[in-house]
Amino acid sequence: MCLRLGYDGSSYNGWALQPGLPTIQGVLEAALEMLIRRPIRTTVAGRTDAGVHARHQMVHFDLTEAEFASLNRGADLDPGYALVRRLRGVLGREEGRVLVHEAYLAPTGFDARFSALWRRYAYRIADGPARFDPLTRAFTMWHKKDLNLELLNAEAQSLLGRHDFLSFCKPRERATTIRTLTEFTFERDEAGIIVAHLKADAFCHNMVRAMIGACIAVGDGSQKPGWVAERLEMAVRDSKNMLADPRALVLEEVAYPQDQAEIAWRAQATRQRRVLDQQ
């Protein structure tokens, strides 16, 4: 089964299960266990950090044929639609912080993580006290200094392409930090808030927040222009790595091949270890 869901991450310690701590995975799997009446383990498209939000997150999990057939409890309802209704009922105790949008039978070979073509994130920044708004503080970073939009975009452009992003990642054991970043821009919306848009085949742990933090350091004059590219070239994680506030980060979208025949192929190809000269 596939689930598409959104969540306000403010009250949770990220996606992944952590003993004794509230997490999105913990809340979702507890709800599924209540409905399916056995433990259910989900696989997610992208594990978000503590405080990070998602508008459209994707997960998959396995059910038996009998479990799938029983989702509608004998009613004349599509099983996926019935599952969404029942999950929304159980998750009502989260007071709207976790909301399931859609459920459907997964294509053959589908993997929420490895079948994905790309992920897209957005990040909101209010630069300068005149733009601070307590009503949007839960999903907007407050930065005391004004930011130079031209400098932000110049630094962001220097990161586009396939690179080893070690300088901007918290490496996981036996995992590569090579990624392909295809979009990274900053713009001001009608309210004057800076919104960053990022898209890549995948993101390492802390990668988006570290890149945003590095660009901000140049945009407010703390570092000289070109510093972000220098950091990328060094390919080393050190104390200069600055993480932007997690509350302003939103996973906006995860994309998959439209041709179902490519789903399994994509999952297999993505599992291969990335190398820098790979196209």
Protein backbone atom coordinates (compact mmCIF):
# COMPACT_ATOMS: atom_id res chain seq x y z
CA MET A 1 0.00 0.00 0.00
CA CYS A 2 1.01 3.61 -0.66
CA LEU A 3 0.06 6.50 1.59
CA ARG A 4 0.39 10.20 0.82
CA LEU A 5 0.27 12.33 3.97
CA GLY A 6 1.17 15.73 5.35
CA TYR A 7 2.19 16.86 8.81
CA ASP A 8 3.11 19.77 11.02
CA GLY A 9 6.40 18.59 12.51
CA SER A 10 6.51 21.16 15.32
CA SER A 11 5.46 18.69 18.03
CA TYR A 12 7.48 15.69 16.84
CA ASN A 13 11.08 14.51 17.01
CA GLY A 14 11.27 13.99 13.27
CA TRP A 15 10.02 11.13 11.14
CA ALA A 16 11.95 8.11 12.42
CA LEU A 17 11.00 6.01 15.43
CA GLN A 18 12.77 7.00 18.66
CA PRO A 19 12.10 5.20 21.96
CA GLY A 20 10.07 7.34 24.33
CA LEU A 21 9.76 10.28 21.92
CA PRO A 22 6.84 11.37 19.71
CA THR A 23 7.62 10.91 15.99
CA ILE A 24 5.56 10.91 12.81
CA GLN A 25 6.44 7.30 12.06
CA GLY A 26 5.49 6.28 15.58
CA VAL A 27 2.10 8.00 15.38
CA LEU A 28 1.32 6.61 11.92
CA GLU A 29 2.39 3.04 12.67
CA ALA A 30 0.44 3.03 15.94
CA ALA A 31 -2.68 4.06 14.00
CA LEU A 32 -2.08 1.36 11.37
CA GLU A 33 -1.53 -1.27 14.04
CA MET A 34 -4.83 -0.33 15.66
CA LEU A 35 -6.67 -0.78 12.34
CA ILE A 36 -4.81 -3.81 10.93
CA ARG A 37 -4.43 -5.44 14.37
CA ARG A 38 -0.76 -6.28 13.98
CA PRO A 39 2.50 -4.25 13.91
CA ILE A 40 3.03 -2.43 10.60
CA ARG A 41 6.42 -1.06 9.50
CA THR A 42 6.42 1.79 6.99
CA THR A 43 9.09 2.89 4.50
CA VAL A 44 9.23 6.63 3.85
CA ALA A 45 10.36 8.67 0.84
CA GLY A 46 12.44 11.02 2.98
CA ARG A 47 13.13 11.02 6.71
CA THR A 48 12.53 14.55 7.97
CA ASP A 49 14.34 16.01 11.00
CA ALA A 50 12.78 17.15 14.25
CA GLY A 51 10.53 20.14 13.67
CA VAL A 52 10.46 19.79 9.87
CA HIS A 53 7.10 19.70 8.11
CA ALA A 54 5.73 17.87 5.06
CA ARG A 55 2.95 18.84 2.71
CA HIS A 56 3.16 15.69 0.57
CA GLN A 57 5.18 12.84 2.11
CA MET A 58 5.01 9.29 0.71
CA VAL A 59 5.22 5.94 2.50
CA HIS A 60 4.60 2.31 1.64
CA PHE A 61 3.89 -0.79 3.71
CA ASP A 62 2.89 -4.41 3.10
CA LEU A 63 -0.52 -5.99 3.67
CA THR A 64 -1.79 -9.48 2.93
CA GLU A 65 -4.53 -9.88 0.35
CA ALA A 66 -7.00 -10.63 3.13
CA GLU A 67 -5.99 -7.51 5.07
CA PHE A 68 -6.37 -5.34 1.97
CA ALA A 69 -9.79 -6.81 1.19
CA SER A 70 -11.00 -6.15 4.74
CA LEU A 71 -10.10 -2.45 4.81
CA ASN A 72 -13.63 -1.42 3.80
CA ARG A 73 -15.22 -3.70 6.41
CA GLY A 74 -17.60 -5.11 3.83
CA ALA A 75 -18.93 -1.74 2.70
CA ASP A 76 -19.17 -0.79 -0.95
CA LEU A 77 -16.08 1.42 -0.74
CA ASP A 78 -12.69 1.41 -2.42
CA PRO A 79 -10.26 -0.12 0.13
CA GLY A 80 -7.87 2.82 -0.21
CA TYR A 81 -10.61 5.37 0.37
CA ALA A 82 -11.84 3.36 3.35
CA LEU A 83 -8.32 3.29 4.82
CA VAL A 84 -8.00 7.06 4.52
CA ARG A 85 -11.31 7.56 6.35
CA ARG A 86 -10.37 5.16 9.12
CA LEU A 87 -6.85 6.57 9.54
CA ARG A 88 -8.20 10.10 9.73
CA GLY A 89 -10.50 8.94 12.48
CA VAL A 90 -7.71 7.36 14.54
CA LEU A 91 -5.31 10.25 13.88
CA GLY A 92 -7.92 12.73 15.04
CA ARG A 93 -6.22 12.59 18.44
CA GLU A 94 -3.26 14.41 16.82
CA GLU A 95 -5.58 17.41 16.32
CA GLY A 96 -4.80 17.83 12.62
CA ARG A 97 -1.03 17.73 12.94
CA VAL A 98 -0.87 14.50 10.87
CA LEU A 99 -3.26 14.12 7.94
CA VAL A 100 -3.49 11.27 5.42
CA HIS A 101 -4.46 12.56 1.97
CA GLU A 102 -4.57 9.38 -0.11
CA ALA A 103 -4.10 5.59 0.02
CA TYR A 104 -3.89 3.18 -2.89
CA LEU A 105 -2.47 -0.17 -3.95
CA ALA A 106 1.22 0.24 -4.79
CA PRO A 107 2.46 -0.63 -8.32
CA THR A 108 4.59 -3.76 -8.62
CA GLY A 109 8.10 -3.14 -7.34
CA PHE A 110 7.24 0.24 -5.78
CA ASP A 111 9.48 1.55 -3.00
CA ALA A 112 8.60 4.92 -1.47
CA ARG A 113 12.27 5.74 -0.97
CA PHE A 114 14.12 4.16 -3.86
CA SER A 115 11.50 4.57 -6.62
CA ALA A 116 11.45 8.35 -6.19
CA LEU A 117 12.79 10.51 -9.04
CA TRP A 118 13.25 13.62 -6.91
CA ARG A 119 12.19 15.48 -3.77
CA ARG A 120 11.30 19.17 -3.56
CA TYR A 121 11.58 21.35 -0.44
CA ALA A 122 10.66 24.95 0.40
CA TYR A 123 12.13 27.16 3.14
CA ARG A 124 10.72 30.50 4.42
CA ILE A 125 12.86 33.32 5.86
CA ALA A 126 11.70 36.61 7.40
CA ASP A 127 14.80 38.82 7.25
CA GLY A 128 14.70 41.83 9.50
CA PRO A 129 12.38 42.51 12.47
CA ALA A 130 9.96 44.49 10.28
CA ARG A 131 8.98 41.21 8.59
CA PHE A 132 8.59 39.13 11.76
CA ASP A 133 5.03 37.84 12.20
CA PRO A 134 4.11 35.79 15.29
CA LEU A 135 1.22 34.19 13.39
CA THR A 136 3.59 32.52 10.91
CA ARG A 137 6.48 31.93 13.30
CA ALA A 138 5.79 28.17 13.47
CA PHE A 139 6.90 27.75 9.85
CA THR A 140 9.15 30.75 9.17
CA MET A 141 12.76 31.41 10.18
CA TRP A 142 13.41 34.80 11.77
CA HIS A 143 16.75 36.32 10.78
CA LYS A 144 17.66 39.64 12.37
CA LYS A 145 19.79 40.93 9.48
CA ASP A 146 18.50 41.87 6.04
CA LEU A 147 19.55 39.45 3.31
CA ASN A 148 20.84 40.26 -0.16
CA LEU A 149 18.69 38.23 -2.55
CA GLU A 150 21.21 38.47 -5.39
CA LEU A 151 23.98 37.07 -3.19
CA LEU A 152 21.73 34.28 -1.95
CA ASN A 153 20.97 33.16 -5.49
CA ALA A 154 24.59 33.40 -6.63
CA GLU A 155 25.68 31.12 -3.78
CA ALA A 156 22.80 28.73 -4.40
CA GLN A 157 23.65 28.44 -8.10
CA SER A 158 27.20 27.35 -7.23
CA LEU A 159 25.78 24.18 -5.66
CA LEU A 160 23.76 22.98 -8.67
CA GLY A 161 24.79 19.72 -10.29
CA ARG A 162 26.17 16.39 -9.10
CA HIS A 163 28.62 16.79 -6.21
CA ASP A 164 29.84 15.25 -3.02
CA PHE A 165 27.87 17.31 -0.49
CA LEU A 166 29.81 16.07 2.55
CA SER A 167 30.41 19.66 3.72
CA PHE A 168 26.64 20.08 4.04
CA CYS A 169 25.63 16.63 5.31
CA LYS A 170 25.65 14.53 8.44
CA PRO A 171 26.86 11.24 6.91
CA ARG A 172 25.10 8.01 7.75
CA GLU A 173 27.09 4.82 8.14
CA ARG A 174 27.85 3.14 4.77
CA ALA A 175 25.90 5.85 2.90
CA THR A 176 27.21 8.15 0.18
CA THR A 177 26.92 11.95 0.30
CA ILE A 178 26.89 12.32 -3.50
CA ARG A 179 23.67 13.94 -4.73
CA THR A 180 22.36 15.75 -7.81
CA LEU A 181 20.86 19.16 -6.99
CA THR A 182 18.74 20.40 -9.91
CA GLU A 183 17.04 23.46 -8.40
CA PHE A 184 18.04 25.96 -5.71
CA THR A 185 16.62 29.48 -5.86
CA PHE A 186 15.55 32.27 -3.52
CA GLU A 187 12.68 34.69 -4.18
CA ARG A 188 10.53 37.14 -2.24
CA ASP A 189 6.81 36.54 -2.03
CA GLU A 190 4.15 39.26 -1.99
CA ALA A 191 4.62 39.73 1.76
CA GLY A 192 8.36 40.22 1.40
CA ILE A 193 9.22 36.82 2.86
CA ILE A 194 12.15 35.04 1.21
CA VAL A 195 11.23 31.56 0.01
CA ALA A 196 13.90 29.09 -1.06
CA HIS A 197 13.04 26.27 -3.47
CA LEU A 198 15.22 23.16 -3.70
CA LYS A 199 14.95 19.99 -5.76
CA ALA A 200 17.29 17.00 -5.92
CA ASP A 201 17.26 13.28 -6.60
CA ALA A 202 17.65 12.89 -2.82
CA PHE A 203 18.95 14.87 0.14
CA CYS A 204 21.41 13.77 2.82
CA HIS A 205 20.72 14.17 6.53
CA ASN A 206 20.75 17.93 7.36
CA MET A 207 21.69 18.82 3.75
CA VAL A 208 18.94 21.37 3.03
CA ARG A 209 19.31 23.19 6.33
CA ALA A 210 23.12 23.29 6.00
CA MET A 211 22.99 24.71 2.47
CA ILE A 212 20.41 27.31 3.50
CA GLY A 213 22.55 28.26 6.51
CA ALA A 214 25.67 28.65 4.37
CA CYS A 215 23.87 30.85 1.82
CA ILE A 216 22.47 33.03 4.61
CA ALA A 217 25.99 33.57 5.97
CA VAL A 218 26.95 35.13 2.64
CA GLY A 219 23.62 36.90 2.16
CA ASP A 220 23.93 38.83 5.42
CA GLY A 221 27.63 39.66 4.96
CA SER A 222 29.04 37.27 7.55
CA GLN A 223 31.03 35.46 4.84
CA LYS A 224 32.47 36.66 1.54
CA PRO A 225 30.85 35.82 -1.82
CA GLY A 226 32.00 32.45 -3.12
CA TRP A 227 32.29 30.95 0.35
CA VAL A 228 29.59 28.35 -0.31
CA ALA A 229 31.44 27.03 -3.38
CA GLU A 230 34.63 26.86 -1.31
CA ARG A 231 32.82 24.83 1.31
CA LEU A 232 31.53 22.45 -1.35
CA GLU A 233 35.01 21.98 -2.82
CA MET A 234 36.51 21.18 0.61
CA ALA A 235 34.13 18.21 1.05
CA VAL A 236 34.69 18.14 4.80
CA ARG A 237 32.23 18.44 7.68
CA ASP A 238 33.50 20.76 10.40
CA SER A 239 32.40 23.38 12.93
CA LYS A 240 31.68 25.91 10.17
CA ASN A 241 28.64 23.88 9.18
CA MET A 242 25.62 25.98 10.21
CA LEU A 243 22.11 24.51 10.26
CA ALA A 244 19.15 26.76 9.54
CA ASP A 245 16.12 26.55 11.82
CA PRO A 246 14.16 23.34 11.09
CA ARG A 247 10.70 24.88 11.62
CA ALA A 248 10.85 26.77 8.28
CA LEU A 249 11.52 23.66 6.18
CA VAL A 250 8.71 21.87 4.32
CA LEU A 251 8.89 18.75 2.16
CA GLU A 252 6.60 19.87 -0.64
CA GLU A 253 6.57 16.99 -3.11
CA VAL A 254 8.03 13.60 -4.03
CA ALA A 255 7.89 12.54 -7.69
CA TYR A 256 7.81 9.03 -9.17
CA PRO A 257 7.91 7.66 -12.74
CA GLN A 258 4.53 7.95 -14.46
CA ASP A 259 5.12 4.72 -16.36
CA GLN A 260 4.47 1.91 -13.88
CA ALA A 261 6.90 -0.31 -15.81
CA GLU A 262 9.71 2.02 -14.69
CA ILE A 263 8.84 1.89 -10.99
CA ALA A 264 10.76 -1.30 -10.16
CA TRP A 265 13.66 -0.34 -12.47
CA ARG A 266 14.02 3.02 -10.75
CA ALA A 267 14.12 1.38 -7.31
CA GLN A 268 16.85 -1.00 -8.42
CA ALA A 269 18.90 1.74 -10.10
CA THR A 270 18.69 4.06 -7.08
CA ARG A 271 20.01 1.35 -4.76
CA GLN A 272 23.29 1.39 -6.66
CA ARG A 273 25.89 3.52 -4.93
CA ARG A 274 26.21 6.98 -6.52
CA VAL A 275 29.53 8.09 -8.05
CA LEU A 276 30.53 11.57 -9.15
CA ASP A 277 30.89 10.81 -12.87
CA GLN A 278 27.50 9.06 -13.04
CA GLN A 279 25.05 10.80 -15.37
